[in-house]
Amino acid sequence: MLLKDYIFLLVSLLIGLLCLYAASLAWRQSRRYRDRPERRLVSTLGSLLMAGLGIMEILGGLAESVLRQGQPARPLDWFWLGGDLLLPCFALMLVRASRLRDELEHQLAAAAAHDPLTGLPNRAGFAAMAMAALAASRAAGQPAVVALLDIDHFKSINDGWGHAAGDEVLRGVARATRPAIRTQDVLGRVGGEEFAMVLPGVDPEAALLLVERLREAIRQGVAHPGAPERSLTISGGLAQVEGNDMAALEAATQRADRALYAAKAAGRNRALIADAAAMAA
């Protein structure tokens, strides 16, 4: 075989390997589309197509080198070989574009479910994560508690020191709460200065201890914008969730909201359990 024939064969084998590589990437990507059957089907078919083309290219290159028997490759053969090279390149570009699309969709979904100011889940994101936590808690036969937390006198902060100071307080509360909660707890910002939590695996009394730890972390970790010596305080209301559906979560949230109102009426800077708050009222 002439040197040009060896080069022709090597290029054919390289194209075949590129096709097989593109097929493997498309196959791995199809495994990630468990909840997107139409995308999984397209990726799977593309993977099989590129695998077939890769095998054909390798076998065709080997057969061509045998059948040619020392005859040099014609210019037209090189032209068609260049066309074959475009196939795996185009397939790799499609796989890359699909990955970028998936990443963008993931980022957009995360942005839609999170509060841009604090980085915590917003109302919609909190509801989805709370339902998942409640389902897991119920499956394990464990109780769960919902808590509502409200920054005391937050309106006076906005009115007295401006909305920029209020925003910094909200960011500070989010920073202070992250290390103070458990990994299984769900915390979100559901209103202006209102935060909500779902605490799975605990009863209201145990949840109250966790909320008190969180309130203390905020008191020590977030400075008042107008007077650093003043502590920023939080009021809270807690209620046990009786069920694992949205209706149960909403009912518990309403009871926790009444407990929060009772905590404010009692002088703020405290957290009350719904039943205890009702008895006190």
C-alpha atoms as a PDB file:
ATOM      1  CA  MET A   1       0.000   0.000   0.000  1.00  0.00           C
ATOM      2  CA  LEU A   2       1.100   3.511  -0.777  1.00  0.00           C
ATOM      3  CA  LEU A   3       1.488   6.137   1.918  1.00  0.00           C
ATOM      4  CA  LYS A   4      -1.606   7.911   0.610  1.00  0.00           C
ATOM      5  CA  ASP A   5      -3.554   4.684   0.980  1.00  0.00           C
ATOM      6  CA  TYR A   6      -2.480   4.365   4.603  1.00  0.00           C
ATOM      7  CA  ILE A   7      -3.541   7.963   5.216  1.00  0.00           C
ATOM      8  CA  PHE A   8      -6.886   7.302   3.514  1.00  0.00           C
ATOM      9  CA  LEU A   9      -7.427   4.230   5.707  1.00  0.00           C
ATOM     10  CA  LEU A  10      -6.445   6.071   8.891  1.00  0.00           C
ATOM     11  CA  VAL A  11      -8.822   8.940   8.095  1.00  0.00           C
ATOM     12  CA  SER A  12     -11.625   6.431   7.476  1.00  0.00           C
ATOM     13  CA  LEU A  13     -10.937   4.754  10.802  1.00  0.00           C
ATOM     14  CA  LEU A  14     -10.808   8.139  12.541  1.00  0.00           C
ATOM     15  CA  ILE A  15     -14.184   9.106  11.084  1.00  0.00           C
ATOM     16  CA  GLY A  16     -15.620   5.794  12.250  1.00  0.00           C
ATOM     17  CA  LEU A  17     -14.281   6.314  15.760  1.00  0.00           C
ATOM     18  CA  LEU A  18     -15.691   9.855  15.840  1.00  0.00           C
ATOM     19  CA  CYS A  19     -19.084   8.458  14.865  1.00  0.00           C
ATOM     20  CA  LEU A  20     -18.887   5.899  17.667  1.00  0.00           C
ATOM     21  CA  TYR A  21     -17.834   8.616  20.126  1.00  0.00           C
ATOM     22  CA  ALA A  22     -20.787  10.791  19.110  1.00  0.00           C
ATOM     23  CA  ALA A  23     -23.036   7.736  19.485  1.00  0.00           C
ATOM     24  CA  SER A  24     -21.791   7.121  23.031  1.00  0.00           C
ATOM     25  CA  LEU A  25     -22.396  10.758  24.012  1.00  0.00           C
ATOM     26  CA  ALA A  26     -25.911  10.689  22.574  1.00  0.00           C
ATOM     27  CA  TRP A  27     -26.626   7.407  24.380  1.00  0.00           C
ATOM     28  CA  ARG A  28     -25.477   8.785  27.741  1.00  0.00           C
ATOM     29  CA  GLN A  29     -27.537  11.889  27.178  1.00  0.00           C
ATOM     30  CA  SER A  30     -30.637   9.821  26.419  1.00  0.00           C
ATOM     31  CA  ARG A  31     -30.308   8.144  29.849  1.00  0.00           C
ATOM     32  CA  ARG A  32     -30.822  11.547  31.489  1.00  0.00           C
ATOM     33  CA  TYR A  33     -34.194  12.062  29.804  1.00  0.00           C
ATOM     34  CA  ARG A  34     -36.156   9.770  32.103  1.00  0.00           C
ATOM     35  CA  ASP A  35     -39.067  12.212  32.336  1.00  0.00           C
ATOM     36  CA  ARG A  36     -38.814  13.452  28.725  1.00  0.00           C
ATOM     37  CA  PRO A  37     -39.708  10.434  26.545  1.00  0.00           C
ATOM     38  CA  GLU A  38     -39.681  12.377  23.274  1.00  0.00           C
ATOM     39  CA  ARG A  39     -36.143  13.643  23.859  1.00  0.00           C
ATOM     40  CA  ARG A  40     -35.029  10.233  25.031  1.00  0.00           C
ATOM     41  CA  LEU A  41     -36.368   8.680  21.832  1.00  0.00           C
ATOM     42  CA  VAL A  42     -34.601  11.218  19.608  1.00  0.00           C
ATOM     43  CA  SER A  43     -31.289  10.809  21.459  1.00  0.00           C
ATOM     44  CA  THR A  44     -31.542   7.015  21.367  1.00  0.00           C
ATOM     45  CA  LEU A  45     -32.289   6.945  17.640  1.00  0.00           C
ATOM     46  CA  GLY A  46     -29.451   9.386  16.982  1.00  0.00           C
ATOM     47  CA  SER A  47     -27.096   7.222  19.012  1.00  0.00           C
ATOM     48  CA  LEU A  48     -28.037   4.082  17.087  1.00  0.00           C
ATOM     49  CA  LEU A  49     -27.724   5.907  13.768  1.00  0.00           C
ATOM     50  CA  MET A  50     -24.245   7.226  14.553  1.00  0.00           C
ATOM     51  CA  ALA A  51     -23.148   3.815  15.855  1.00  0.00           C
ATOM     52  CA  GLY A  52     -24.271   2.231  12.588  1.00  0.00           C
ATOM     53  CA  LEU A  53     -22.500   4.871  10.525  1.00  0.00           C
ATOM     54  CA  GLY A  54     -19.335   4.432  12.576  1.00  0.00           C
ATOM     55  CA  ILE A  55     -19.266   0.679  12.056  1.00  0.00           C
ATOM     56  CA  MET A  56     -19.993   1.107   8.348  1.00  0.00           C
ATOM     57  CA  GLU A  57     -17.200   3.677   8.014  1.00  0.00           C
ATOM     58  CA  ILE A  58     -14.643   1.421   9.706  1.00  0.00           C
ATOM     59  CA  LEU A  59     -15.628  -1.685   7.756  1.00  0.00           C
ATOM     60  CA  GLY A  60     -15.900   0.314   4.539  1.00  0.00           C
ATOM     61  CA  GLY A  61     -12.439   1.783   4.991  1.00  0.00           C
ATOM     62  CA  LEU A  62     -10.926  -1.646   5.591  1.00  0.00           C
ATOM     63  CA  ALA A  63     -12.753  -3.151   2.616  1.00  0.00           C
ATOM     64  CA  GLU A  64     -11.750  -0.253   0.383  1.00  0.00           C
ATOM     65  CA  SER A  65      -8.075  -0.709   1.262  1.00  0.00           C
ATOM     66  CA  VAL A  66      -8.263  -4.424   0.378  1.00  0.00           C
ATOM     67  CA  LEU A  67     -10.206  -4.016  -2.855  1.00  0.00           C
ATOM     68  CA  ARG A  68      -8.055  -1.187  -4.139  1.00  0.00           C
ATOM     69  CA  GLN A  69      -4.957  -3.457  -4.155  1.00  0.00           C
ATOM     70  CA  GLY A  70      -2.337  -0.775  -4.496  1.00  0.00           C
ATOM     71  CA  GLN A  71      -4.355   1.562  -6.703  1.00  0.00           C
ATOM     72  CA  PRO A  72      -4.147   5.123  -5.375  1.00  0.00           C
ATOM     73  CA  ALA A  73      -7.261   6.812  -4.033  1.00  0.00           C
ATOM     74  CA  ARG A  74      -8.947   9.033  -6.579  1.00  0.00           C
ATOM     75  CA  PRO A  75      -9.739  12.714  -5.848  1.00  0.00           C
ATOM     76  CA  LEU A  76     -13.426  11.815  -5.773  1.00  0.00           C
ATOM     77  CA  ASP A  77     -12.721   9.279  -3.017  1.00  0.00           C
ATOM     78  CA  TRP A  78     -11.135  12.006  -0.921  1.00  0.00           C
ATOM     79  CA  PHE A  79     -14.107  14.267  -1.626  1.00  0.00           C
ATOM     80  CA  TRP A  80     -16.571  11.682  -0.326  1.00  0.00           C
ATOM     81  CA  LEU A  81     -14.327  10.980   2.642  1.00  0.00           C
ATOM     82  CA  GLY A  82     -14.429  14.674   3.526  1.00  0.00           C
ATOM     83  CA  GLY A  83     -18.216  14.535   3.329  1.00  0.00           C
ATOM     84  CA  ASP A  84     -18.218  11.572   5.700  1.00  0.00           C
ATOM     85  CA  LEU A  85     -16.146  13.594   8.161  1.00  0.00           C
ATOM     86  CA  LEU A  86     -18.907  16.190   8.372  1.00  0.00           C
ATOM     87  CA  LEU A  87     -21.359  13.642   9.801  1.00  0.00           C
ATOM     88  CA  PRO A  88     -19.697  13.026  13.203  1.00  0.00           C
ATOM     89  CA  CYS A  89     -18.738  16.704  13.455  1.00  0.00           C
ATOM     90  CA  PHE A  90     -22.369  17.698  12.943  1.00  0.00           C
ATOM     91  CA  ALA A  91     -23.524  15.049  15.426  1.00  0.00           C
ATOM     92  CA  LEU A  92     -21.085  16.290  18.073  1.00  0.00           C
ATOM     93  CA  MET A  93     -22.338  19.837  17.530  1.00  0.00           C
ATOM     94  CA  LEU A  94     -25.928  18.647  18.050  1.00  0.00           C
ATOM     95  CA  VAL A  95     -25.005  16.841  21.264  1.00  0.00           C
ATOM     96  CA  ARG A  96     -23.227  19.951  22.535  1.00  0.00           C
ATOM     97  CA  ALA A  97     -26.193  22.154  21.625  1.00  0.00           C
ATOM     98  CA  SER A  98     -28.553  19.761  23.421  1.00  0.00           C
ATOM     99  CA  ARG A  99     -26.421  19.901  26.552  1.00  0.00           C
ATOM    100  CA  LEU A 100     -26.361  23.692  26.489  1.00  0.00           C
ATOM    101  CA  ARG A 101     -30.144  23.726  26.048  1.00  0.00           C
ATOM    102  CA  ASP A 102     -30.583  21.367  29.003  1.00  0.00           C
ATOM    103  CA  GLU A 103     -28.299  23.499  31.184  1.00  0.00           C
ATOM    104  CA  LEU A 104     -30.181  26.661  30.225  1.00  0.00           C
ATOM    105  CA  GLU A 105     -33.538  25.039  30.968  1.00  0.00           C
ATOM    106  CA  HIS A 106     -32.216  23.890  34.343  1.00  0.00           C
ATOM    107  CA  GLN A 107     -30.981  27.404  35.149  1.00  0.00           C
ATOM    108  CA  LEU A 108     -34.288  28.965  34.103  1.00  0.00           C
ATOM    109  CA  ALA A 109     -36.245  26.456  36.188  1.00  0.00           C
ATOM    110  CA  ALA A 110     -34.026  27.157  39.200  1.00  0.00           C
ATOM    111  CA  ALA A 111     -34.420  30.913  38.715  1.00  0.00           C
ATOM    112  CA  ALA A 112     -38.210  30.568  38.502  1.00  0.00           C
ATOM    113  CA  ALA A 113     -38.283  28.633  41.785  1.00  0.00           C
ATOM    114  CA  HIS A 114     -35.908  30.856  43.786  1.00  0.00           C
ATOM    115  CA  ASP A 115     -35.992  34.363  45.177  1.00  0.00           C
ATOM    116  CA  PRO A 116     -33.281  36.401  43.412  1.00  0.00           C
ATOM    117  CA  LEU A 117     -32.605  38.568  46.472  1.00  0.00           C
ATOM    118  CA  THR A 118     -31.932  35.872  49.060  1.00  0.00           C
ATOM    119  CA  GLY A 119     -31.324  32.810  46.897  1.00  0.00           C
ATOM    120  CA  LEU A 120     -33.918  30.902  48.918  1.00  0.00           C
ATOM    121  CA  PRO A 121     -36.851  29.099  47.295  1.00  0.00           C
ATOM    122  CA  ASN A 122     -39.733  31.437  46.524  1.00  0.00           C
ATOM    123  CA  ARG A 123     -43.371  30.589  47.226  1.00  0.00           C
ATOM    124  CA  ALA A 124     -43.690  28.235  44.254  1.00  0.00           C
ATOM    125  CA  GLY A 125     -40.304  26.612  44.838  1.00  0.00           C
ATOM    126  CA  PHE A 126     -40.990  26.227  48.543  1.00  0.00           C
ATOM    127  CA  ALA A 127     -44.339  24.540  47.885  1.00  0.00           C
ATOM    128  CA  ALA A 128     -42.760  21.979  45.553  1.00  0.00           C
ATOM    129  CA  MET A 129     -39.879  21.212  47.927  1.00  0.00           C
ATOM    130  CA  ALA A 130     -42.214  21.131  50.923  1.00  0.00           C
ATOM    131  CA  MET A 131     -44.475  18.571  49.258  1.00  0.00           C
ATOM    132  CA  ALA A 132     -41.464  16.350  48.529  1.00  0.00           C
ATOM    133  CA  ALA A 133     -40.282  16.638  52.150  1.00  0.00           C
ATOM    134  CA  LEU A 134     -43.764  15.845  53.481  1.00  0.00           C
ATOM    135  CA  ALA A 135     -44.075  12.796  51.230  1.00  0.00           C
ATOM    136  CA  ALA A 136     -40.704  11.469  52.419  1.00  0.00           C
ATOM    137  CA  SER A 137     -41.616  12.113  56.050  1.00  0.00           C
ATOM    138  CA  ARG A 138     -44.977  10.396  55.694  1.00  0.00           C
ATOM    139  CA  ALA A 139     -43.378   7.406  53.931  1.00  0.00           C
ATOM    140  CA  ALA A 140     -41.029   7.025  56.903  1.00  0.00           C
ATOM    141  CA  GLY A 141     -43.952   7.242  59.337  1.00  0.00           C
ATOM    142  CA  GLN A 142     -42.628  10.460  60.864  1.00  0.00           C
ATOM    143  CA  PRO A 143     -44.403  13.720  61.733  1.00  0.00           C
ATOM    144  CA  ALA A 144     -43.698  17.066  60.116  1.00  0.00           C
ATOM    145  CA  VAL A 145     -44.136  20.672  61.173  1.00  0.00           C
ATOM    146  CA  VAL A 146     -44.591  23.885  59.214  1.00  0.00           C
ATOM    147  CA  ALA A 147     -43.301  27.163  60.651  1.00  0.00           C
ATOM    148  CA  LEU A 148     -43.859  30.752  59.575  1.00  0.00           C
ATOM    149  CA  LEU A 149     -41.242  33.339  60.538  1.00  0.00           C
ATOM    150  CA  ASP A 150     -41.568  37.107  60.296  1.00  0.00           C
ATOM    151  CA  ILE A 151     -38.929  39.798  60.837  1.00  0.00           C
ATOM    152  CA  ASP A 152     -40.075  42.055  63.644  1.00  0.00           C
ATOM    153  CA  HIS A 153     -40.655  45.718  62.735  1.00  0.00           C
ATOM    154  CA  PHE A 154     -39.323  45.221  59.219  1.00  0.00           C
ATOM    155  CA  LYS A 155     -41.481  48.044  57.870  1.00  0.00           C
ATOM    156  CA  SER A 156     -39.744  50.497  60.190  1.00  0.00           C
ATOM    157  CA  ILE A 157     -36.398  49.380  58.736  1.00  0.00           C
ATOM    158  CA  ASN A 158     -37.570  50.077  55.197  1.00  0.00           C
ATOM    159  CA  ASP A 159     -39.138  53.397  56.199  1.00  0.00           C
ATOM    160  CA  GLY A 160     -36.285  54.562  58.393  1.00  0.00           C
ATOM    161  CA  TRP A 161     -33.195  53.392  56.519  1.00  0.00           C
ATOM    162  CA  GLY A 162     -34.435  52.692  53.009  1.00  0.00           C
ATOM    163  CA  HIS A 163     -35.218  49.643  50.946  1.00  0.00           C
ATOM    164  CA  ALA A 164     -31.524  48.957  50.308  1.00  0.00           C
ATOM    165  CA  ALA A 165     -31.044  48.459  54.046  1.00  0.00           C
ATOM    166  CA  GLY A 166     -34.130  46.253  54.128  1.00  0.00           C
ATOM    167  CA  ASP A 167     -32.766  44.157  51.282  1.00  0.00           C
ATOM    168  CA  GLU A 168     -29.478  43.716  53.115  1.00  0.00           C
ATOM    169  CA  VAL A 169     -31.369  42.567  56.208  1.00  0.00           C
ATOM    170  CA  LEU A 170     -33.228  39.973  54.122  1.00  0.00           C
ATOM    171  CA  ARG A 171     -29.962  38.731  52.636  1.00  0.00           C
ATOM    172  CA  GLY A 172     -28.434  38.606  56.107  1.00  0.00           C
ATOM    173  CA  VAL A 173     -31.335  36.553  57.445  1.00  0.00           C
ATOM    174  CA  ALA A 174     -30.932  34.083  54.573  1.00  0.00           C
ATOM    175  CA  ARG A 175     -27.184  33.782  55.238  1.00  0.00           C
ATOM    176  CA  ALA A 176     -27.701  33.295  58.977  1.00  0.00           C
ATOM    177  CA  THR A 177     -30.372  30.625  58.596  1.00  0.00           C
ATOM    178  CA  ARG A 178     -28.523  28.320  56.197  1.00  0.00           C
ATOM    179  CA  PRO A 179     -26.042  26.891  58.739  1.00  0.00           C
ATOM    180  CA  ALA A 180     -28.724  26.843  61.454  1.00  0.00           C
ATOM    181  CA  ILE A 181     -31.112  24.421  59.737  1.00  0.00           C
ATOM    182  CA  ARG A 182     -30.834  20.700  59.067  1.00  0.00           C
ATOM    183  CA  THR A 183     -30.211  19.314  55.609  1.00  0.00           C
ATOM    184  CA  GLN A 184     -33.721  17.840  55.453  1.00  0.00           C
ATOM    185  CA  ASP A 185     -35.428  21.105  56.430  1.00  0.00           C
ATOM    186  CA  VAL A 186     -37.005  23.263  53.729  1.00  0.00           C
ATOM    187  CA  LEU A 187     -36.740  27.038  54.087  1.00  0.00           C
ATOM    188  CA  GLY A 188     -38.152  29.601  51.683  1.00  0.00           C
ATOM    189  CA  ARG A 189     -39.037  33.264  51.414  1.00  0.00           C
ATOM    190  CA  VAL A 190     -42.784  33.409  50.825  1.00  0.00           C
ATOM    191  CA  GLY A 191     -43.469  37.110  51.325  1.00  0.00           C
ATOM    192  CA  GLY A 192     -41.823  40.474  51.848  1.00  0.00           C
ATOM    193  CA  GLU A 193     -40.320  39.749  55.254  1.00  0.00           C
ATOM    194  CA  GLU A 194     -41.977  36.387  55.782  1.00  0.00           C
ATOM    195  CA  PHE A 195     -40.204  33.040  55.632  1.00  0.00           C
ATOM    196  CA  ALA A 196     -41.658  29.542  55.784  1.00  0.00           C
ATOM    197  CA  MET A 197     -40.140  26.264  56.903  1.00  0.00           C
ATOM    198  CA  VAL A 198     -41.067  22.612  56.768  1.00  0.00           C
ATOM    199  CA  LEU A 199     -39.327  20.537  59.425  1.00  0.00           C
ATOM    200  CA  PRO A 200     -39.773  16.819  58.715  1.00  0.00           C
ATOM    201  CA  GLY A 201     -39.219  14.087  61.265  1.00  0.00           C
ATOM    202  CA  VAL A 202     -40.029  16.141  64.380  1.00  0.00           C
ATOM    203  CA  ASP A 203     -43.093  16.980  66.468  1.00  0.00           C
ATOM    204  CA  PRO A 204     -44.009  20.616  67.276  1.00  0.00           C
ATOM    205  CA  GLU A 205     -42.082  20.660  70.555  1.00  0.00           C
ATOM    206  CA  ALA A 206     -38.865  19.451  68.916  1.00  0.00           C
ATOM    207  CA  ALA A 207     -39.464  21.781  65.979  1.00  0.00           C
ATOM    208  CA  LEU A 208     -39.783  24.691  68.389  1.00  0.00           C
ATOM    209  CA  LEU A 209     -36.265  24.011  69.674  1.00  0.00           C
ATOM    210  CA  LEU A 210     -34.953  24.088  66.097  1.00  0.00           C
ATOM    211  CA  VAL A 211     -36.787  27.338  65.388  1.00  0.00           C
ATOM    212  CA  GLU A 212     -35.387  28.871  68.571  1.00  0.00           C
ATOM    213  CA  ARG A 213     -31.892  27.907  67.435  1.00  0.00           C
ATOM    214  CA  LEU A 214     -32.581  29.586  64.109  1.00  0.00           C
ATOM    215  CA  ARG A 215     -33.942  32.722  65.796  1.00  0.00           C
ATOM    216  CA  GLU A 216     -30.826  32.922  67.942  1.00  0.00           C
ATOM    217  CA  ALA A 217     -28.601  32.573  64.872  1.00  0.00           C
ATOM    218  CA  ILE A 218     -30.429  35.503  63.271  1.00  0.00           C
ATOM    219  CA  ARG A 219     -30.240  37.581  66.451  1.00  0.00           C
ATOM    220  CA  GLN A 220     -26.489  37.090  66.672  1.00  0.00           C
ATOM    221  CA  GLY A 221     -25.669  37.111  62.972  1.00  0.00           C
ATOM    222  CA  VAL A 222     -27.753  39.946  61.507  1.00  0.00           C
ATOM    223  CA  ALA A 223     -27.092  43.514  62.587  1.00  0.00           C
ATOM    224  CA  HIS A 224     -29.798  46.157  62.701  1.00  0.00           C
ATOM    225  CA  PRO A 225     -29.017  48.684  59.936  1.00  0.00           C
ATOM    226  CA  GLY A 226     -29.599  51.734  62.118  1.00  0.00           C
ATOM    227  CA  ALA A 227     -28.083  50.588  65.367  1.00  0.00           C
ATOM    228  CA  PRO A 228     -25.560  47.726  65.383  1.00  0.00           C
ATOM    229  CA  GLU A 229     -26.034  47.305  69.122  1.00  0.00           C
ATOM    230  CA  ARG A 230     -29.704  46.461  68.567  1.00  0.00           C
ATOM    231  CA  SER A 231     -30.656  42.881  67.808  1.00  0.00           C
ATOM    232  CA  LEU A 232     -32.789  41.887  64.880  1.00  0.00           C
ATOM    233  CA  THR A 233     -35.581  39.677  66.178  1.00  0.00           C
ATOM    234  CA  ILE A 234     -37.949  37.177  64.604  1.00  0.00           C
ATOM    235  CA  SER A 235     -41.447  36.042  65.519  1.00  0.00           C
ATOM    236  CA  GLY A 236     -42.708  32.613  64.565  1.00  0.00           C
ATOM    237  CA  GLY A 237     -45.689  30.307  64.524  1.00  0.00           C
ATOM    238  CA  LEU A 238     -45.621  26.519  64.224  1.00  0.00           C
ATOM    239  CA  ALA A 239     -48.194  23.838  63.444  1.00  0.00           C
ATOM    240  CA  GLN A 240     -48.031  20.121  62.805  1.00  0.00           C
ATOM    241  CA  VAL A 241     -48.934  18.986  59.291  1.00  0.00           C
ATOM    242  CA  GLU A 242     -51.723  16.401  59.357  1.00  0.00           C
ATOM    243  CA  GLY A 243     -51.166  14.701  56.010  1.00  0.00           C
ATOM    244  CA  ASN A 244     -48.863  14.944  53.022  1.00  0.00           C
ATOM    245  CA  ASP A 245     -50.991  16.689  50.377  1.00  0.00           C
ATOM    246  CA  MET A 246     -51.297  20.357  49.499  1.00  0.00           C
ATOM    247  CA  ALA A 247     -54.543  20.740  51.448  1.00  0.00           C
ATOM    248  CA  ALA A 248     -52.827  19.486  54.611  1.00  0.00           C
ATOM    249  CA  LEU A 249     -49.910  21.861  54.065  1.00  0.00           C
ATOM    250  CA  GLU A 250     -52.242  24.821  53.532  1.00  0.00           C
ATOM    251  CA  ALA A 251     -54.298  23.953  56.615  1.00  0.00           C
ATOM    252  CA  ALA A 252     -51.157  23.718  58.754  1.00  0.00           C
ATOM    253  CA  THR A 253     -49.878  26.977  57.275  1.00  0.00           C
ATOM    254  CA  GLN A 254     -53.096  28.726  58.290  1.00  0.00           C
ATOM    255  CA  ARG A 255     -52.754  27.445  61.853  1.00  0.00           C
ATOM    256  CA  ALA A 256     -49.098  28.484  61.920  1.00  0.00           C
ATOM    257  CA  ASP A 257     -50.114  31.929  60.657  1.00  0.00           C
ATOM    258  CA  ARG A 258     -52.560  32.309  63.544  1.00  0.00           C
ATOM    259  CA  ALA A 259     -49.816  31.250  65.951  1.00  0.00           C
ATOM    260  CA  LEU A 260     -47.504  33.833  64.365  1.00  0.00           C
ATOM    261  CA  TYR A 261     -50.169  36.510  64.875  1.00  0.00           C
ATOM    262  CA  ALA A 262     -50.469  35.453  68.516  1.00  0.00           C
ATOM    263  CA  ALA A 263     -46.686  35.694  68.941  1.00  0.00           C
ATOM    264  CA  LYS A 264     -46.747  39.246  67.597  1.00  0.00           C
ATOM    265  CA  ALA A 265     -49.683  40.152  69.820  1.00  0.00           C
ATOM    266  CA  ALA A 266     -47.784  38.791  72.822  1.00  0.00           C
ATOM    267  CA  GLY A 267     -44.904  41.204  72.222  1.00  0.00           C
ATOM    268  CA  ARG A 268     -42.976  39.696  69.295  1.00  0.00           C
ATOM    269  CA  ASN A 269     -39.490  38.119  69.535  1.00  0.00           C
ATOM    270  CA  ARG A 270     -40.913  34.672  70.259  1.00  0.00           C
ATOM    271  CA  ALA A 271     -42.261  31.569  68.553  1.00  0.00           C
ATOM    272  CA  LEU A 272     -45.494  29.814  69.512  1.00  0.00           C
ATOM    273  CA  ILE A 273     -47.011  26.454  68.652  1.00  0.00           C
ATOM    274  CA  ALA A 274     -50.492  26.675  67.153  1.00  0.00           C
ATOM    275  CA  ASP A 275     -52.380  24.741  69.848  1.00  0.00           C
ATOM    276  CA  ALA A 276     -50.556  26.506  72.674  1.00  0.00           C
ATOM    277  CA  ALA A 277     -51.172  29.864  71.015  1.00  0.00           C
ATOM    278  CA  ALA A 278     -54.901  29.126  70.732  1.00  0.00           C
ATOM    279  CA  MET A 279     -55.088  28.167  74.402  1.00  0.00           C
ATOM    280  CA  ALA A 280     -53.230  31.344  75.394  1.00  0.00           C
ATOM    281  CA  ALA A 281     -55.658  33.423  73.339  1.00  0.00           C
END
